[in-house]
Amino acid sequence: MNLAAWFTQSVTLYSAGAPNTAGDPSFGPGVSVSARVEANTEKVLGPSGLVTQATHAIYVGPDTSVTISDRIVLPGQTIKRTPLSVRSEVDKAGTLIFTKVVL
């Protein structure tokens, strides 16, 4: 299954790094990645354990790695957003098809 044609937008991904000397999170430089961005109003259980209203779902291809600690900037925006959930979808053989990131 080739989903590359679906990834017609781009988001900027800031990968989480080691905390700085003050203990604050640090991030690598922003990297533009192909994605599909959709408005989303689902409720998700966030990393803090609270139910949160999502606003967007972002889908990225198997060549892009995203973690719950990363930051993402949506097209046309400047705010670095924290994922509420990150879920990888695999086929029957265990091959990664895409990753869904909920913001």
C-alpha atoms as a PDB file:
ATOM      1  CA  MET A   1       0.000   0.000   0.000  1.00  0.00           C
ATOM      2  CA  ASN A   2       1.487   3.344  -1.062  1.00  0.00           C
ATOM      3  CA  LEU A   3       0.221   6.237   1.015  1.00  0.00           C
ATOM      4  CA  ALA A   4       2.834   8.763  -0.139  1.00  0.00           C
ATOM      5  CA  ALA A   5       0.241  10.568  -2.281  1.00  0.00           C
ATOM      6  CA  TRP A   6      -1.699  11.401   0.908  1.00  0.00           C
ATOM      7  CA  PHE A   7       1.210  13.295   2.473  1.00  0.00           C
ATOM      8  CA  THR A   8       0.752  16.527   0.498  1.00  0.00           C
ATOM      9  CA  GLN A   9       1.337  18.959   3.361  1.00  0.00           C
ATOM     10  CA  SER A  10       4.336  19.581   5.549  1.00  0.00           C
ATOM     11  CA  VAL A  11       4.824  20.155   9.244  1.00  0.00           C
ATOM     12  CA  THR A  12       7.948  21.175  11.122  1.00  0.00           C
ATOM     13  CA  LEU A  13       9.189  18.556  13.567  1.00  0.00           C
ATOM     14  CA  TYR A  14      11.474  19.385  16.503  1.00  0.00           C
ATOM     15  CA  SER A  15      12.919  16.169  17.940  1.00  0.00           C
ATOM     16  CA  ALA A  16      13.363  16.047  21.709  1.00  0.00           C
ATOM     17  CA  GLY A  17      16.889  15.874  23.010  1.00  0.00           C
ATOM     18  CA  ALA A  18      18.444  15.502  26.444  1.00  0.00           C
ATOM     19  CA  PRO A  19      17.420  18.050  29.084  1.00  0.00           C
ATOM     20  CA  ASN A  20      19.695  21.077  29.369  1.00  0.00           C
ATOM     21  CA  THR A  21      21.732  21.859  32.499  1.00  0.00           C
ATOM     22  CA  ALA A  22      18.704  23.547  34.117  1.00  0.00           C
ATOM     23  CA  GLY A  23      16.647  20.396  33.542  1.00  0.00           C
ATOM     24  CA  ASP A  24      14.461  21.994  30.865  1.00  0.00           C
ATOM     25  CA  PRO A  25      13.687  20.005  27.716  1.00  0.00           C
ATOM     26  CA  SER A  26      15.787  20.755  24.664  1.00  0.00           C
ATOM     27  CA  PHE A  27      14.991  20.191  21.010  1.00  0.00           C
ATOM     28  CA  GLY A  28      16.919  19.768  17.797  1.00  0.00           C
ATOM     29  CA  PRO A  29      16.517  22.091  14.848  1.00  0.00           C
ATOM     30  CA  GLY A  30      13.181  22.090  13.048  1.00  0.00           C
ATOM     31  CA  VAL A  31      12.900  19.666  10.141  1.00  0.00           C
ATOM     32  CA  SER A  32      10.174  19.921   7.515  1.00  0.00           C
ATOM     33  CA  VAL A  33       8.471  16.554   6.955  1.00  0.00           C
ATOM     34  CA  SER A  34       5.719  15.472   4.569  1.00  0.00           C
ATOM     35  CA  ALA A  35       2.434  14.882   6.345  1.00  0.00           C
ATOM     36  CA  ARG A  36      -1.326  14.839   6.157  1.00  0.00           C
ATOM     37  CA  VAL A  37      -2.983  17.275   8.563  1.00  0.00           C
ATOM     38  CA  GLU A  38      -6.655  16.890   9.459  1.00  0.00           C
ATOM     39  CA  ALA A  39      -8.927  18.748  11.848  1.00  0.00           C
ATOM     40  CA  ASN A  40      -9.817  16.385  14.672  1.00  0.00           C
ATOM     41  CA  THR A  41     -12.159  16.750  17.634  1.00  0.00           C
ATOM     42  CA  GLU A  42     -11.624  13.438  19.385  1.00  0.00           C
ATOM     43  CA  LYS A  43     -10.949  13.232  23.100  1.00  0.00           C
ATOM     44  CA  VAL A  44      -7.727  11.498  24.064  1.00  0.00           C
ATOM     45  CA  LEU A  45      -6.053  10.429  27.263  1.00  0.00           C
ATOM     46  CA  GLY A  46      -2.949  12.606  27.268  1.00  0.00           C
ATOM     47  CA  PRO A  47       0.472  11.779  28.703  1.00  0.00           C
ATOM     48  CA  SER A  48      -0.475  13.578  31.944  1.00  0.00           C
ATOM     49  CA  GLY A  49      -3.376  11.160  32.470  1.00  0.00           C
ATOM     50  CA  LEU A  50      -6.047  13.767  31.775  1.00  0.00           C
ATOM     51  CA  VAL A  51      -8.654  13.536  29.026  1.00  0.00           C
ATOM     52  CA  THR A  52      -7.975  16.338  26.560  1.00  0.00           C
ATOM     53  CA  GLN A  53      -9.807  17.605  23.485  1.00  0.00           C
ATOM     54  CA  ALA A  54      -7.633  17.178  20.391  1.00  0.00           C
ATOM     55  CA  THR A  55      -7.691  19.689  17.551  1.00  0.00           C
ATOM     56  CA  HIS A  56      -5.644  17.955  14.848  1.00  0.00           C
ATOM     57  CA  ALA A  57      -4.503  14.538  13.657  1.00  0.00           C
ATOM     58  CA  ILE A  58      -1.259  14.395  11.719  1.00  0.00           C
ATOM     59  CA  TYR A  59      -0.174  11.400   9.692  1.00  0.00           C
ATOM     60  CA  VAL A  60       3.466  10.888   8.693  1.00  0.00           C
ATOM     61  CA  GLY A  61       5.087   8.188   6.613  1.00  0.00           C
ATOM     62  CA  PRO A  62       7.236   5.299   7.837  1.00  0.00           C
ATOM     63  CA  ASP A  63      10.437   7.253   7.207  1.00  0.00           C
ATOM     64  CA  THR A  64       9.563   9.812   9.919  1.00  0.00           C
ATOM     65  CA  SER A  65      10.036   9.078  13.615  1.00  0.00           C
ATOM     66  CA  VAL A  66       7.869  10.990  16.096  1.00  0.00           C
ATOM     67  CA  THR A  67       7.785  10.621  19.891  1.00  0.00           C
ATOM     68  CA  ILE A  68       5.445  11.986  22.549  1.00  0.00           C
ATOM     69  CA  SER A  69       8.258  14.339  23.673  1.00  0.00           C
ATOM     70  CA  ASP A  70       8.747  16.008  20.282  1.00  0.00           C
ATOM     71  CA  ARG A  71       7.224  19.323  19.210  1.00  0.00           C
ATOM     72  CA  ILE A  72       5.323  19.967  15.960  1.00  0.00           C
ATOM     73  CA  VAL A  73       4.461  23.193  14.146  1.00  0.00           C
ATOM     74  CA  LEU A  74       1.429  23.014  11.857  1.00  0.00           C
ATOM     75  CA  PRO A  75       1.405  24.602   8.380  1.00  0.00           C
ATOM     76  CA  GLY A  76       1.042  28.382   8.533  1.00  0.00           C
ATOM     77  CA  GLN A  77       1.589  28.496  12.308  1.00  0.00           C
ATOM     78  CA  THR A  78       4.539  29.259  14.592  1.00  0.00           C
ATOM     79  CA  ILE A  79       3.510  27.602  17.872  1.00  0.00           C
ATOM     80  CA  LYS A  80       5.379  24.423  18.802  1.00  0.00           C
ATOM     81  CA  ARG A  81       2.699  21.938  19.875  1.00  0.00           C
ATOM     82  CA  THR A  82       3.142  18.890  22.084  1.00  0.00           C
ATOM     83  CA  PRO A  83       1.606  15.606  20.894  1.00  0.00           C
ATOM     84  CA  LEU A  84      -1.209  14.203  23.029  1.00  0.00           C
ATOM     85  CA  SER A  85      -0.673  10.738  21.579  1.00  0.00           C
ATOM     86  CA  VAL A  86       1.528   8.999  19.018  1.00  0.00           C
ATOM     87  CA  ARG A  87       0.427   5.703  17.493  1.00  0.00           C
ATOM     88  CA  SER A  88       2.208   3.639  14.862  1.00  0.00           C
ATOM     89  CA  GLU A  89       0.151   1.584  12.419  1.00  0.00           C
ATOM     90  CA  VAL A  90       1.678  -1.626  11.079  1.00  0.00           C
ATOM     91  CA  ASP A  91       0.565  -4.210   8.542  1.00  0.00           C
ATOM     92  CA  LYS A  92       0.163  -7.954   9.191  1.00  0.00           C
ATOM     93  CA  ALA A  93       3.878  -8.504   8.600  1.00  0.00           C
ATOM     94  CA  GLY A  94       4.755  -5.886  11.235  1.00  0.00           C
ATOM     95  CA  THR A  95       5.956  -3.303   8.718  1.00  0.00           C
ATOM     96  CA  LEU A  96       5.308   0.308   9.721  1.00  0.00           C
ATOM     97  CA  ILE A  97       2.742   1.924   7.390  1.00  0.00           C
ATOM     98  CA  PHE A  98       2.316   5.337   9.007  1.00  0.00           C
ATOM     99  CA  THR A  99       2.324   7.131  12.345  1.00  0.00           C
ATOM    100  CA  LYS A 100      -0.682   9.079  13.651  1.00  0.00           C
ATOM    101  CA  VAL A 101       0.077  12.037  15.915  1.00  0.00           C
ATOM    102  CA  VAL A 102      -2.815  13.663  17.771  1.00  0.00           C
ATOM    103  CA  LEU A 103      -2.453  17.293  18.846  1.00  0.00           C
END
